[in-house]
Amino acid sequence: MDIILKYFPDLTPEQIELFTQLEPLYADWNSKINVISRKDFSEFYERHVLHSLAIAKLIHFTPGSEILDVGTGGGFPGIPLAIFFPHVNFHLVDSIGKKIKVVKAVAESLGLENVTAEQIRVEQLKTKYNFVVSRAVTRMPEFVSWVRKNISLKQQNALPNGILYLKGGDLTKEIKPFRKQIFIQHLSDYFEEEFFETKMLVHLAL
């Protein structure tokens, strides 16, 4: 938990309490349903919570914004972002039912009234959102084809509506079709830990 306070020292006592509850909650659920890789669970706050919160370094969502988290898995980046932005609405979706079961249970345990979770394929989802967030569920062109229809025309944030995608590795080929609409933030500019050296946050305006 210290690593979260290192980079986000202005959290409220309520937020600190909620972030502190995350690890034991996920440890309990992970013992029943494997939603987080067991080999890196010891780095839970760095590799899952802080990684998710990189989005909060790039943008401060305005109250009332609507955010869709696609392929949320156990609830990342959606759950940490929902704690950080209590006045923003988060819809977390995944095609795997047992993962959504965990997300719903965690959100309920934490009392996160700004989180809804649903087992659905994003291709079937018709609702509109200011931003779609995700942690590298597939290659960029395929992801854009899935979610383009879900981006609202109503602008209310400093960044144009679109996709905020947490990804690693060489993105040269993937982003080529979108290079005029794209901004890439290297997470090593935010966080000094070795884990973030090859990690990026991509903003694609749609």
N, C-alpha and C. Protein backbone atom coordinates (compact mmCIF):
# COMPACT_ATOMS: atom_id res chain seq x y z
N MET A 1 0.83 -1.21 0.00
CA MET A 1 0.00 0.00 0.00
C MET A 1 0.86 1.26 0.00
N ASP A 2 2.08 1.18 0.54
CA ASP A 2 2.96 2.35 0.60
C ASP A 2 3.24 2.91 -0.79
N ILE A 3 3.30 2.03 -1.77
CA ILE A 3 3.63 2.47 -3.14
C ILE A 3 2.52 3.36 -3.71
N ILE A 4 1.27 3.12 -3.29
CA ILE A 4 0.16 3.96 -3.75
C ILE A 4 0.28 5.35 -3.14
N LEU A 5 0.58 5.40 -1.85
CA LEU A 5 0.73 6.70 -1.17
C LEU A 5 1.96 7.46 -1.66
N LYS A 6 2.95 6.72 -2.13
CA LYS A 6 4.16 7.35 -2.67
C LYS A 6 3.81 8.23 -3.88
N TYR A 7 2.92 7.74 -4.73
CA TYR A 7 2.59 8.46 -5.96
C TYR A 7 1.27 9.24 -5.88
N PHE A 8 0.45 8.88 -4.89
CA PHE A 8 -0.83 9.59 -4.70
C PHE A 8 -0.96 9.97 -3.22
N PRO A 9 -0.17 10.95 -2.77
CA PRO A 9 -0.15 11.29 -1.35
C PRO A 9 -1.39 12.03 -0.85
N ASP A 10 -2.24 12.48 -1.76
CA ASP A 10 -3.38 13.30 -1.36
C ASP A 10 -4.69 12.53 -1.27
N LEU A 11 -4.63 11.22 -1.15
CA LEU A 11 -5.84 10.42 -1.00
C LEU A 11 -6.56 10.78 0.29
N THR A 12 -7.89 10.69 0.26
CA THR A 12 -8.67 10.92 1.48
C THR A 12 -8.54 9.70 2.40
N PRO A 13 -8.84 9.87 3.70
CA PRO A 13 -8.82 8.71 4.60
C PRO A 13 -9.73 7.58 4.12
N GLU A 14 -10.88 7.95 3.51
CA GLU A 14 -11.81 6.93 3.00
C GLU A 14 -11.18 6.15 1.84
N GLN A 15 -10.50 6.86 0.95
CA GLN A 15 -9.84 6.18 -0.16
C GLN A 15 -8.71 5.27 0.33
N ILE A 16 -7.93 5.75 1.30
CA ILE A 16 -6.84 4.94 1.85
C ILE A 16 -7.40 3.65 2.45
N GLU A 17 -8.50 3.78 3.16
CA GLU A 17 -9.14 2.60 3.78
C GLU A 17 -9.57 1.60 2.70
N LEU A 18 -10.19 2.09 1.63
CA LEU A 18 -10.66 1.22 0.55
C LEU A 18 -9.49 0.55 -0.17
N PHE A 19 -8.45 1.31 -0.48
CA PHE A 19 -7.29 0.71 -1.13
C PHE A 19 -6.63 -0.33 -0.22
N THR A 20 -6.61 -0.08 1.08
CA THR A 20 -6.02 -1.02 2.02
C THR A 20 -6.79 -2.33 2.06
N GLN A 21 -8.11 -2.25 1.87
CA GLN A 21 -8.94 -3.46 1.88
C GLN A 21 -8.77 -4.33 0.63
N LEU A 22 -8.24 -3.75 -0.45
CA LEU A 22 -8.18 -4.49 -1.72
C LEU A 22 -7.38 -5.78 -1.62
N GLU A 23 -6.18 -5.72 -1.05
CA GLU A 23 -5.32 -6.91 -1.08
C GLU A 23 -5.93 -8.10 -0.34
N PRO A 24 -6.40 -7.95 0.92
CA PRO A 24 -7.01 -9.12 1.56
C PRO A 24 -8.26 -9.63 0.84
N LEU A 25 -9.05 -8.71 0.26
CA LEU A 25 -10.23 -9.12 -0.49
C LEU A 25 -9.84 -9.98 -1.69
N TYR A 26 -8.86 -9.50 -2.45
CA TYR A 26 -8.44 -10.25 -3.64
C TYR A 26 -7.71 -11.54 -3.27
N ALA A 27 -6.96 -11.51 -2.18
CA ALA A 27 -6.28 -12.73 -1.73
C ALA A 27 -7.30 -13.82 -1.42
N ASP A 28 -8.38 -13.43 -0.75
CA ASP A 28 -9.44 -14.38 -0.41
C ASP A 28 -10.10 -14.93 -1.68
N TRP A 29 -10.48 -14.04 -2.59
CA TRP A 29 -11.13 -14.50 -3.82
C TRP A 29 -10.18 -15.30 -4.70
N ASN A 30 -8.93 -14.89 -4.73
CA ASN A 30 -7.96 -15.59 -5.58
C ASN A 30 -7.72 -17.02 -5.11
N SER A 31 -7.94 -17.28 -3.83
CA SER A 31 -7.79 -18.65 -3.32
C SER A 31 -8.92 -19.55 -3.82
N LYS A 32 -10.04 -18.92 -4.26
CA LYS A 32 -11.20 -19.69 -4.75
C LYS A 32 -11.28 -19.67 -6.28
N ILE A 33 -11.04 -18.49 -6.84
CA ILE A 33 -11.13 -18.29 -8.29
C ILE A 33 -9.88 -17.53 -8.72
N ASN A 34 -9.09 -18.11 -9.58
CA ASN A 34 -7.81 -17.51 -9.96
C ASN A 34 -8.03 -16.36 -10.95
N VAL A 35 -8.15 -15.14 -10.43
CA VAL A 35 -8.37 -13.98 -11.31
C VAL A 35 -7.11 -13.12 -11.46
N ILE A 36 -6.15 -13.33 -10.57
CA ILE A 36 -4.87 -12.60 -10.63
C ILE A 36 -3.76 -13.64 -10.60
N SER A 37 -2.79 -13.49 -11.49
CA SER A 37 -1.67 -14.44 -11.55
C SER A 37 -1.05 -14.62 -10.17
N ARG A 38 -0.99 -15.87 -9.72
CA ARG A 38 -0.50 -16.12 -8.36
C ARG A 38 0.98 -15.79 -8.24
N LYS A 39 1.71 -15.89 -9.35
CA LYS A 39 3.16 -15.64 -9.27
C LYS A 39 3.49 -14.17 -9.00
N ASP A 40 2.58 -13.26 -9.36
CA ASP A 40 2.90 -11.85 -9.07
C ASP A 40 1.94 -11.22 -8.06
N PHE A 41 1.22 -12.05 -7.31
CA PHE A 41 0.29 -11.49 -6.32
C PHE A 41 1.04 -10.73 -5.23
N SER A 42 2.28 -11.14 -4.98
CA SER A 42 3.08 -10.43 -3.96
C SER A 42 3.35 -8.98 -4.37
N GLU A 43 3.22 -8.70 -5.67
CA GLU A 43 3.40 -7.33 -6.19
C GLU A 43 2.04 -6.71 -6.54
N PHE A 44 1.02 -7.11 -5.80
CA PHE A 44 -0.36 -6.73 -6.10
C PHE A 44 -0.54 -5.22 -6.28
N TYR A 45 -0.05 -4.44 -5.32
CA TYR A 45 -0.28 -2.99 -5.38
C TYR A 45 0.48 -2.34 -6.53
N GLU A 46 1.69 -2.82 -6.81
CA GLU A 46 2.47 -2.24 -7.91
C GLU A 46 1.90 -2.63 -9.27
N ARG A 47 1.70 -3.93 -9.47
CA ARG A 47 1.40 -4.44 -10.83
C ARG A 47 -0.07 -4.39 -11.21
N HIS A 48 -0.93 -4.19 -10.23
CA HIS A 48 -2.36 -4.16 -10.54
C HIS A 48 -3.00 -2.84 -10.14
N VAL A 49 -2.81 -2.41 -8.91
CA VAL A 49 -3.46 -1.18 -8.45
C VAL A 49 -2.77 0.06 -9.02
N LEU A 50 -1.46 0.18 -8.83
CA LEU A 50 -0.74 1.35 -9.34
C LEU A 50 -0.78 1.39 -10.86
N HIS A 51 -0.63 0.25 -11.50
CA HIS A 51 -0.72 0.18 -12.97
C HIS A 51 -2.06 0.74 -13.44
N SER A 52 -3.14 0.35 -12.76
CA SER A 52 -4.47 0.87 -13.12
C SER A 52 -4.55 2.38 -12.92
N LEU A 53 -3.94 2.85 -11.84
CA LEU A 53 -4.03 4.28 -11.51
C LEU A 53 -3.16 5.17 -12.39
N ALA A 54 -2.36 4.57 -13.27
CA ALA A 54 -1.61 5.38 -14.23
C ALA A 54 -2.56 6.26 -15.05
N ILE A 55 -3.78 5.76 -15.28
CA ILE A 55 -4.78 6.54 -16.03
C ILE A 55 -5.11 7.83 -15.29
N ALA A 56 -5.11 7.78 -13.95
CA ALA A 56 -5.41 8.97 -13.15
C ALA A 56 -4.28 9.98 -13.16
N LYS A 57 -3.10 9.58 -13.62
CA LYS A 57 -1.99 10.53 -13.79
C LYS A 57 -2.16 11.34 -15.08
N LEU A 58 -2.80 10.71 -16.07
CA LEU A 58 -2.97 11.38 -17.37
C LEU A 58 -4.22 12.25 -17.42
N ILE A 59 -5.28 11.79 -16.76
CA ILE A 59 -6.56 12.51 -16.85
C ILE A 59 -7.26 12.49 -15.50
N HIS A 60 -7.90 13.61 -15.17
CA HIS A 60 -8.76 13.66 -14.00
C HIS A 60 -10.19 13.71 -14.52
N PHE A 61 -10.87 12.55 -14.49
CA PHE A 61 -12.23 12.48 -15.03
C PHE A 61 -13.15 13.46 -14.29
N THR A 62 -13.97 14.17 -15.03
CA THR A 62 -14.91 15.10 -14.40
C THR A 62 -16.07 14.30 -13.79
N PRO A 63 -16.66 14.81 -12.69
CA PRO A 63 -17.81 14.13 -12.08
C PRO A 63 -18.91 13.87 -13.11
N GLY A 64 -19.50 12.68 -13.02
CA GLY A 64 -20.56 12.33 -13.95
C GLY A 64 -20.08 11.67 -15.24
N SER A 65 -18.77 11.60 -15.44
CA SER A 65 -18.25 10.92 -16.63
C SER A 65 -18.65 9.45 -16.60
N GLU A 66 -18.80 8.87 -17.79
CA GLU A 66 -19.17 7.46 -17.92
C GLU A 66 -17.98 6.71 -18.52
N ILE A 67 -17.50 5.69 -17.80
CA ILE A 67 -16.31 4.95 -18.22
C ILE A 67 -16.64 3.47 -18.35
N LEU A 68 -16.22 2.87 -19.45
CA LEU A 68 -16.39 1.44 -19.68
C LEU A 68 -15.04 0.75 -19.57
N ASP A 69 -14.96 -0.29 -18.74
CA ASP A 69 -13.74 -1.10 -18.60
C ASP A 69 -13.99 -2.43 -19.29
N VAL A 70 -13.29 -2.66 -20.40
CA VAL A 70 -13.50 -3.84 -21.24
C VAL A 70 -12.47 -4.92 -20.92
N GLY A 71 -12.96 -6.16 -20.74
CA GLY A 71 -12.07 -7.27 -20.38
C GLY A 71 -11.46 -7.02 -19.02
N THR A 72 -12.31 -6.62 -18.08
CA THR A 72 -11.85 -6.17 -16.76
C THR A 72 -11.18 -7.25 -15.94
N GLY A 73 -11.41 -8.53 -16.28
CA GLY A 73 -10.81 -9.60 -15.47
C GLY A 73 -11.33 -9.53 -14.06
N GLY A 74 -10.41 -9.38 -13.10
CA GLY A 74 -10.82 -9.28 -11.70
C GLY A 74 -11.23 -7.87 -11.29
N GLY A 75 -11.22 -6.93 -12.23
CA GLY A 75 -11.66 -5.56 -11.91
C GLY A 75 -10.61 -4.50 -12.11
N PHE A 76 -9.72 -4.73 -13.07
CA PHE A 76 -8.63 -3.77 -13.31
C PHE A 76 -8.65 -3.33 -14.77
N PRO A 77 -8.58 -2.03 -15.02
CA PRO A 77 -8.28 -0.94 -14.07
C PRO A 77 -9.50 -0.36 -13.34
N GLY A 78 -10.70 -0.90 -13.58
CA GLY A 78 -11.93 -0.26 -13.12
C GLY A 78 -12.08 -0.05 -11.63
N ILE A 79 -11.78 -1.08 -10.83
CA ILE A 79 -12.00 -0.96 -9.38
C ILE A 79 -11.09 0.11 -8.76
N PRO A 80 -9.76 0.09 -9.00
CA PRO A 80 -8.93 1.17 -8.44
C PRO A 80 -9.36 2.56 -8.92
N LEU A 81 -9.75 2.67 -10.18
CA LEU A 81 -10.19 3.98 -10.70
C LEU A 81 -11.50 4.42 -10.05
N ALA A 82 -12.38 3.48 -9.75
CA ALA A 82 -13.65 3.81 -9.11
C ALA A 82 -13.43 4.33 -7.69
N ILE A 83 -12.42 3.78 -7.01
CA ILE A 83 -12.07 4.29 -5.67
C ILE A 83 -11.49 5.71 -5.80
N PHE A 84 -10.65 5.90 -6.80
CA PHE A 84 -9.98 7.19 -6.99
C PHE A 84 -10.95 8.28 -7.44
N PHE A 85 -11.94 7.88 -8.27
CA PHE A 85 -12.92 8.84 -8.80
C PHE A 85 -14.32 8.46 -8.32
N PRO A 86 -14.67 8.77 -7.07
CA PRO A 86 -15.96 8.31 -6.53
C PRO A 86 -17.19 8.92 -7.18
N HIS A 87 -17.02 10.03 -7.93
CA HIS A 87 -18.16 10.69 -8.57
C HIS A 87 -18.23 10.41 -10.07
N VAL A 88 -17.53 9.36 -10.50
CA VAL A 88 -17.51 8.94 -11.90
C VAL A 88 -18.12 7.54 -11.96
N ASN A 89 -18.88 7.25 -13.02
CA ASN A 89 -19.56 5.96 -13.15
C ASN A 89 -18.74 4.99 -13.98
N PHE A 90 -18.54 3.79 -13.45
CA PHE A 90 -17.73 2.77 -14.11
C PHE A 90 -18.57 1.52 -14.39
N HIS A 91 -18.55 1.08 -15.65
CA HIS A 91 -19.23 -0.15 -16.05
C HIS A 91 -18.14 -1.15 -16.45
N LEU A 92 -18.00 -2.22 -15.67
CA LEU A 92 -16.94 -3.21 -15.88
C LEU A 92 -17.54 -4.44 -16.55
N VAL A 93 -16.98 -4.81 -17.71
CA VAL A 93 -17.52 -5.96 -18.44
C VAL A 93 -16.42 -6.97 -18.75
N ASP A 94 -16.84 -8.24 -18.78
CA ASP A 94 -15.96 -9.33 -19.17
C ASP A 94 -16.85 -10.46 -19.68
N SER A 95 -16.32 -11.25 -20.59
CA SER A 95 -17.12 -12.35 -21.14
C SER A 95 -17.12 -13.58 -20.23
N ILE A 96 -16.26 -13.58 -19.20
CA ILE A 96 -16.12 -14.74 -18.32
C ILE A 96 -16.87 -14.50 -17.01
N GLY A 97 -17.87 -15.32 -16.76
CA GLY A 97 -18.78 -15.12 -15.64
C GLY A 97 -18.12 -15.14 -14.28
N LYS A 98 -17.16 -16.05 -14.07
CA LYS A 98 -16.56 -16.15 -12.73
C LYS A 98 -15.76 -14.90 -12.38
N LYS A 99 -15.20 -14.24 -13.40
CA LYS A 99 -14.46 -13.00 -13.14
C LYS A 99 -15.42 -11.87 -12.72
N ILE A 100 -16.57 -11.81 -13.40
CA ILE A 100 -17.56 -10.79 -13.04
C ILE A 100 -18.13 -11.07 -11.65
N LYS A 101 -18.23 -12.33 -11.29
CA LYS A 101 -18.68 -12.69 -9.93
C LYS A 101 -17.75 -12.07 -8.88
N VAL A 102 -16.44 -12.15 -9.13
CA VAL A 102 -15.46 -11.57 -8.22
C VAL A 102 -15.58 -10.05 -8.19
N VAL A 103 -15.70 -9.43 -9.36
CA VAL A 103 -15.82 -7.98 -9.45
C VAL A 103 -17.03 -7.48 -8.65
N LYS A 104 -18.16 -8.14 -8.84
CA LYS A 104 -19.37 -7.74 -8.12
C LYS A 104 -19.19 -7.88 -6.61
N ALA A 105 -18.56 -8.97 -6.19
CA ALA A 105 -18.35 -9.21 -4.76
C ALA A 105 -17.41 -8.17 -4.15
N VAL A 106 -16.34 -7.84 -4.87
CA VAL A 106 -15.38 -6.85 -4.38
C VAL A 106 -16.04 -5.47 -4.29
N ALA A 107 -16.76 -5.09 -5.35
CA ALA A 107 -17.44 -3.79 -5.36
C ALA A 107 -18.45 -3.69 -4.22
N GLU A 108 -19.16 -4.79 -3.97
CA GLU A 108 -20.15 -4.81 -2.88
C GLU A 108 -19.46 -4.72 -1.52
N SER A 109 -18.39 -5.47 -1.34
CA SER A 109 -17.65 -5.44 -0.07
C SER A 109 -17.12 -4.05 0.24
N LEU A 110 -16.70 -3.33 -0.81
CA LEU A 110 -16.14 -1.99 -0.63
C LEU A 110 -17.22 -0.90 -0.61
N GLY A 111 -18.45 -1.28 -0.94
CA GLY A 111 -19.53 -0.29 -1.00
C GLY A 111 -19.39 0.69 -2.14
N LEU A 112 -18.86 0.22 -3.27
CA LEU A 112 -18.65 1.10 -4.43
C LEU A 112 -19.94 1.24 -5.23
N GLU A 113 -20.67 2.29 -4.95
CA GLU A 113 -21.96 2.48 -5.63
C GLU A 113 -21.80 3.02 -7.04
N ASN A 114 -20.57 3.40 -7.42
CA ASN A 114 -20.32 3.92 -8.77
C ASN A 114 -19.82 2.84 -9.73
N VAL A 115 -19.96 1.56 -9.32
CA VAL A 115 -19.50 0.44 -10.16
C VAL A 115 -20.68 -0.47 -10.49
N THR A 116 -20.82 -0.77 -11.78
CA THR A 116 -21.71 -1.86 -12.21
C THR A 116 -20.85 -2.86 -12.98
N ALA A 117 -21.19 -4.14 -12.88
CA ALA A 117 -20.40 -5.18 -13.55
C ALA A 117 -21.35 -6.10 -14.30
N GLU A 118 -20.92 -6.57 -15.48
CA GLU A 118 -21.81 -7.36 -16.34
C GLU A 118 -21.00 -8.36 -17.15
N GLN A 119 -21.52 -9.59 -17.22
CA GLN A 119 -20.93 -10.59 -18.11
C GLN A 119 -21.53 -10.39 -19.50
N ILE A 120 -20.73 -9.88 -20.41
CA ILE A 120 -21.20 -9.62 -21.78
C ILE A 120 -19.99 -9.44 -22.67
N ARG A 121 -20.14 -9.78 -23.93
CA ARG A 121 -19.09 -9.47 -24.91
C ARG A 121 -19.30 -8.02 -25.35
N VAL A 122 -18.22 -7.26 -25.43
CA VAL A 122 -18.36 -5.83 -25.72
C VAL A 122 -19.00 -5.58 -27.08
N GLU A 123 -18.84 -6.54 -28.01
CA GLU A 123 -19.47 -6.38 -29.32
C GLU A 123 -20.99 -6.27 -29.21
N GLN A 124 -21.56 -6.82 -28.13
CA GLN A 124 -23.02 -6.80 -27.93
C GLN A 124 -23.50 -5.55 -27.19
N LEU A 125 -22.57 -4.78 -26.67
CA LEU A 125 -22.90 -3.64 -25.81
C LEU A 125 -23.20 -2.40 -26.66
N LYS A 126 -24.34 -1.76 -26.40
CA LYS A 126 -24.75 -0.62 -27.23
C LYS A 126 -24.61 0.73 -26.50
N THR A 127 -24.39 0.72 -25.18
CA THR A 127 -24.34 1.95 -24.39
C THR A 127 -23.16 2.83 -24.80
N LYS A 128 -23.29 4.14 -24.57
CA LYS A 128 -22.23 5.10 -24.92
C LYS A 128 -21.49 5.57 -23.66
N TYR A 129 -20.20 5.85 -23.83
CA TYR A 129 -19.34 6.25 -22.71
C TYR A 129 -18.38 7.35 -23.17
N ASN A 130 -17.87 8.12 -22.19
CA ASN A 130 -16.85 9.11 -22.53
C ASN A 130 -15.53 8.43 -22.89
N PHE A 131 -15.19 7.40 -22.09
CA PHE A 131 -13.93 6.69 -22.34
C PHE A 131 -14.11 5.18 -22.16
N VAL A 132 -13.37 4.45 -22.97
CA VAL A 132 -13.22 3.01 -22.78
C VAL A 132 -11.81 2.77 -22.27
N VAL A 133 -11.69 2.10 -21.13
CA VAL A 133 -10.38 1.79 -20.56
C VAL A 133 -10.16 0.28 -20.61
N SER A 134 -8.89 -0.13 -20.66
CA SER A 134 -8.60 -1.56 -20.69
C SER A 134 -7.11 -1.80 -20.47
N ARG A 135 -6.83 -3.02 -20.03
CA ARG A 135 -5.43 -3.43 -19.88
C ARG A 135 -5.12 -4.49 -20.94
N ALA A 136 -4.83 -4.04 -22.14
CA ALA A 136 -4.27 -4.89 -23.21
C ALA A 136 -4.97 -6.22 -23.40
N VAL A 137 -6.25 -6.16 -23.74
CA VAL A 137 -6.96 -7.43 -23.96
C VAL A 137 -6.71 -8.00 -25.35
N THR A 138 -6.33 -7.17 -26.31
CA THR A 138 -6.04 -7.65 -27.66
C THR A 138 -5.25 -6.57 -28.39
N ARG A 139 -4.96 -6.82 -29.68
CA ARG A 139 -4.24 -5.82 -30.47
C ARG A 139 -5.14 -4.60 -30.70
N MET A 140 -4.50 -3.46 -30.83
CA MET A 140 -5.22 -2.18 -30.91
C MET A 140 -6.27 -2.12 -32.04
N PRO A 141 -5.94 -2.48 -33.28
CA PRO A 141 -6.95 -2.36 -34.34
C PRO A 141 -8.22 -3.16 -34.04
N GLU A 142 -8.05 -4.37 -33.51
CA GLU A 142 -9.20 -5.20 -33.18
C GLU A 142 -10.02 -4.56 -32.06
N PHE A 143 -9.31 -4.04 -31.05
CA PHE A 143 -10.00 -3.42 -29.92
C PHE A 143 -10.80 -2.21 -30.39
N VAL A 144 -10.20 -1.39 -31.22
CA VAL A 144 -10.90 -0.20 -31.73
C VAL A 144 -12.16 -0.60 -32.48
N SER A 145 -12.08 -1.67 -33.27
CA SER A 145 -13.26 -2.12 -34.03
C SER A 145 -14.39 -2.57 -33.11
N TRP A 146 -14.04 -3.10 -31.94
CA TRP A 146 -15.06 -3.53 -30.97
C TRP A 146 -15.78 -2.35 -30.32
N VAL A 147 -15.01 -1.31 -29.95
CA VAL A 147 -15.55 -0.30 -29.02
C VAL A 147 -15.84 1.06 -29.65
N ARG A 148 -15.48 1.26 -30.89
CA ARG A 148 -15.69 2.57 -31.52
C ARG A 148 -17.15 3.02 -31.37
N LYS A 149 -18.09 2.08 -31.53
CA LYS A 149 -19.52 2.37 -31.45
C LYS A 149 -19.96 2.85 -30.07
N ASN A 150 -19.13 2.57 -29.05
CA ASN A 150 -19.51 2.89 -27.66
C ASN A 150 -19.01 4.24 -27.16
N ILE A 151 -18.32 4.99 -28.02
CA ILE A 151 -17.78 6.29 -27.61
C ILE A 151 -18.83 7.38 -27.83
N SER A 152 -19.14 8.09 -26.75
CA SER A 152 -20.14 9.15 -26.79
C SER A 152 -19.60 10.39 -27.53
N LEU A 153 -20.50 11.15 -28.13
CA LEU A 153 -20.12 12.41 -28.77
C LEU A 153 -20.06 13.55 -27.76
N LYS A 154 -20.65 13.32 -26.57
CA LYS A 154 -20.72 14.37 -25.54
C LYS A 154 -19.36 14.49 -24.84
N GLN A 155 -18.69 15.62 -25.08
CA GLN A 155 -17.37 15.86 -24.50
C GLN A 155 -17.50 16.59 -23.16
N GLN A 156 -16.81 16.10 -22.12
CA GLN A 156 -16.87 16.81 -20.83
C GLN A 156 -15.56 16.72 -20.05
N ASN A 157 -14.49 16.27 -20.71
CA ASN A 157 -13.20 16.14 -20.05
C ASN A 157 -12.13 16.91 -20.82
N ALA A 158 -10.98 17.10 -20.17
CA ALA A 158 -9.88 17.83 -20.80
C ALA A 158 -9.33 17.09 -22.01
N LEU A 159 -9.35 15.77 -21.97
CA LEU A 159 -8.94 14.96 -23.12
C LEU A 159 -10.17 14.63 -23.96
N PRO A 160 -10.02 14.55 -25.29
CA PRO A 160 -11.14 14.14 -26.14
C PRO A 160 -11.57 12.71 -25.80
N ASN A 161 -12.86 12.45 -25.90
CA ASN A 161 -13.39 11.09 -25.68
C ASN A 161 -12.65 10.07 -26.53
N GLY A 162 -12.55 8.85 -26.01
CA GLY A 162 -11.89 7.80 -26.78
C GLY A 162 -11.46 6.64 -25.90
N ILE A 163 -10.32 6.06 -26.26
CA ILE A 163 -9.80 4.87 -25.59
C ILE A 163 -8.58 5.24 -24.76
N LEU A 164 -8.50 4.69 -23.54
CA LEU A 164 -7.30 4.77 -22.70
C LEU A 164 -6.84 3.34 -22.46
N TYR A 165 -5.73 2.97 -23.10
CA TYR A 165 -5.32 1.57 -23.20
C TYR A 165 -3.96 1.38 -22.54
N LEU A 166 -3.90 0.54 -21.53
CA LEU A 166 -2.64 0.22 -20.85
C LEU A 166 -1.99 -0.96 -21.55
N LYS A 167 -0.78 -0.74 -22.08
CA LYS A 167 -0.16 -1.78 -22.91
C LYS A 167 1.35 -1.73 -22.77
N GLY A 168 2.00 -2.85 -23.13
CA GLY A 168 3.46 -2.90 -23.11
C GLY A 168 4.01 -3.38 -24.44
N GLY A 169 5.33 -3.33 -24.57
CA GLY A 169 5.98 -3.85 -25.77
C GLY A 169 6.02 -2.85 -26.92
N ASP A 170 6.32 -3.37 -28.11
CA ASP A 170 6.46 -2.54 -29.30
C ASP A 170 5.09 -2.34 -29.95
N LEU A 171 4.63 -1.11 -29.96
CA LEU A 171 3.30 -0.81 -30.49
C LEU A 171 3.33 -0.26 -31.92
N THR A 172 4.51 -0.22 -32.53
CA THR A 172 4.67 0.46 -33.82
C THR A 172 3.64 0.03 -34.86
N LYS A 173 3.51 -1.27 -35.08
CA LYS A 173 2.58 -1.77 -36.10
C LYS A 173 1.12 -1.55 -35.70
N GLU A 174 0.83 -1.78 -34.43
CA GLU A 174 -0.55 -1.69 -33.96
C GLU A 174 -1.13 -0.29 -34.10
N ILE A 175 -0.31 0.72 -33.85
CA ILE A 175 -0.85 2.09 -33.83
C ILE A 175 -0.76 2.78 -35.19
N LYS A 176 -0.13 2.12 -36.15
CA LYS A 176 0.09 2.76 -37.46
C LYS A 176 -1.20 3.31 -38.08
N PRO A 177 -2.33 2.57 -38.04
CA PRO A 177 -3.55 3.12 -38.66
C PRO A 177 -4.11 4.34 -37.95
N PHE A 178 -3.65 4.61 -36.72
CA PHE A 178 -4.27 5.67 -35.92
C PHE A 178 -3.31 6.79 -35.55
N ARG A 179 -2.13 6.84 -36.18
CA ARG A 179 -1.07 7.69 -35.64
C ARG A 179 -1.43 9.17 -35.56
N LYS A 180 -2.42 9.64 -36.33
CA LYS A 180 -2.81 11.06 -36.24
C LYS A 180 -3.72 11.33 -35.04
N GLN A 181 -4.31 10.29 -34.46
CA GLN A 181 -5.27 10.46 -33.37
C GLN A 181 -4.72 10.02 -32.02
N ILE A 182 -3.44 9.63 -31.98
CA ILE A 182 -2.95 8.89 -30.82
C ILE A 182 -1.92 9.66 -30.01
N PHE A 183 -1.93 9.42 -28.72
CA PHE A 183 -0.91 9.96 -27.81
C PHE A 183 -0.42 8.80 -26.95
N ILE A 184 0.91 8.66 -26.82
CA ILE A 184 1.48 7.58 -26.01
C ILE A 184 2.26 8.17 -24.85
N GLN A 185 1.89 7.73 -23.65
CA GLN A 185 2.57 8.15 -22.43
C GLN A 185 3.35 6.96 -21.87
N HIS A 186 4.66 7.11 -21.73
CA HIS A 186 5.47 6.05 -21.12
C HIS A 186 5.30 6.11 -19.61
N LEU A 187 4.92 4.99 -19.01
CA LEU A 187 4.63 4.99 -17.58
C LEU A 187 5.88 5.18 -16.73
N SER A 188 7.05 4.96 -17.32
CA SER A 188 8.30 5.21 -16.59
C SER A 188 8.47 6.71 -16.31
N ASP A 189 7.72 7.57 -17.03
CA ASP A 189 7.74 9.00 -16.73
C ASP A 189 6.99 9.31 -15.42
N TYR A 190 6.09 8.41 -15.04
CA TYR A 190 5.32 8.58 -13.81
C TYR A 190 5.91 7.80 -12.63
N PHE A 191 6.30 6.54 -12.92
CA PHE A 191 6.68 5.60 -11.86
C PHE A 191 8.10 5.08 -12.08
N GLU A 192 8.91 5.03 -11.02
CA GLU A 192 10.32 4.67 -11.18
C GLU A 192 10.59 3.18 -11.09
N GLU A 193 9.60 2.38 -10.71
CA GLU A 193 9.82 0.94 -10.55
C GLU A 193 10.10 0.27 -11.90
N GLU A 194 10.94 -0.75 -11.86
CA GLU A 194 11.38 -1.44 -13.09
C GLU A 194 10.21 -2.00 -13.90
N PHE A 195 9.16 -2.44 -13.22
CA PHE A 195 7.99 -3.01 -13.88
C PHE A 195 7.43 -2.09 -14.97
N PHE A 196 7.56 -0.77 -14.77
CA PHE A 196 6.92 0.19 -15.67
C PHE A 196 7.80 0.62 -16.84
N GLU A 197 9.01 0.09 -16.91
CA GLU A 197 9.95 0.54 -17.95
C GLU A 197 9.43 0.30 -19.35
N THR A 198 8.70 -0.79 -19.57
CA THR A 198 8.21 -1.10 -20.93
C THR A 198 6.70 -0.88 -21.06
N LYS A 199 6.09 -0.27 -20.03
CA LYS A 199 4.64 -0.10 -20.03
C LYS A 199 4.26 1.28 -20.54
N MET A 200 3.12 1.32 -21.25
CA MET A 200 2.64 2.57 -21.82
C MET A 200 1.14 2.74 -21.61
N LEU A 201 0.71 3.99 -21.67
CA LEU A 201 -0.72 4.32 -21.68
C LEU A 201 -1.00 5.02 -23.01
N VAL A 202 -1.89 4.43 -23.78
CA VAL A 202 -2.21 4.97 -25.09
C VAL A 202 -3.57 5.67 -25.01
N HIS A 203 -3.61 6.93 -25.45
CA HIS A 203 -4.89 7.63 -25.59
C HIS A 203 -5.19 7.77 -27.07
N LEU A 204 -6.31 7.17 -27.49
CA LEU A 204 -6.76 7.27 -28.88
C LEU A 204 -8.06 8.04 -28.89
N ALA A 205 -8.03 9.23 -29.48
CA ALA A 205 -9.24 10.06 -29.58
C ALA A 205 -10.14 9.49 -30.68
N LEU A 206 -11.40 9.28 -30.32
CA LEU A 206 -12.36 8.74 -31.32
C LEU A 206 -13.58 9.66 -31.38
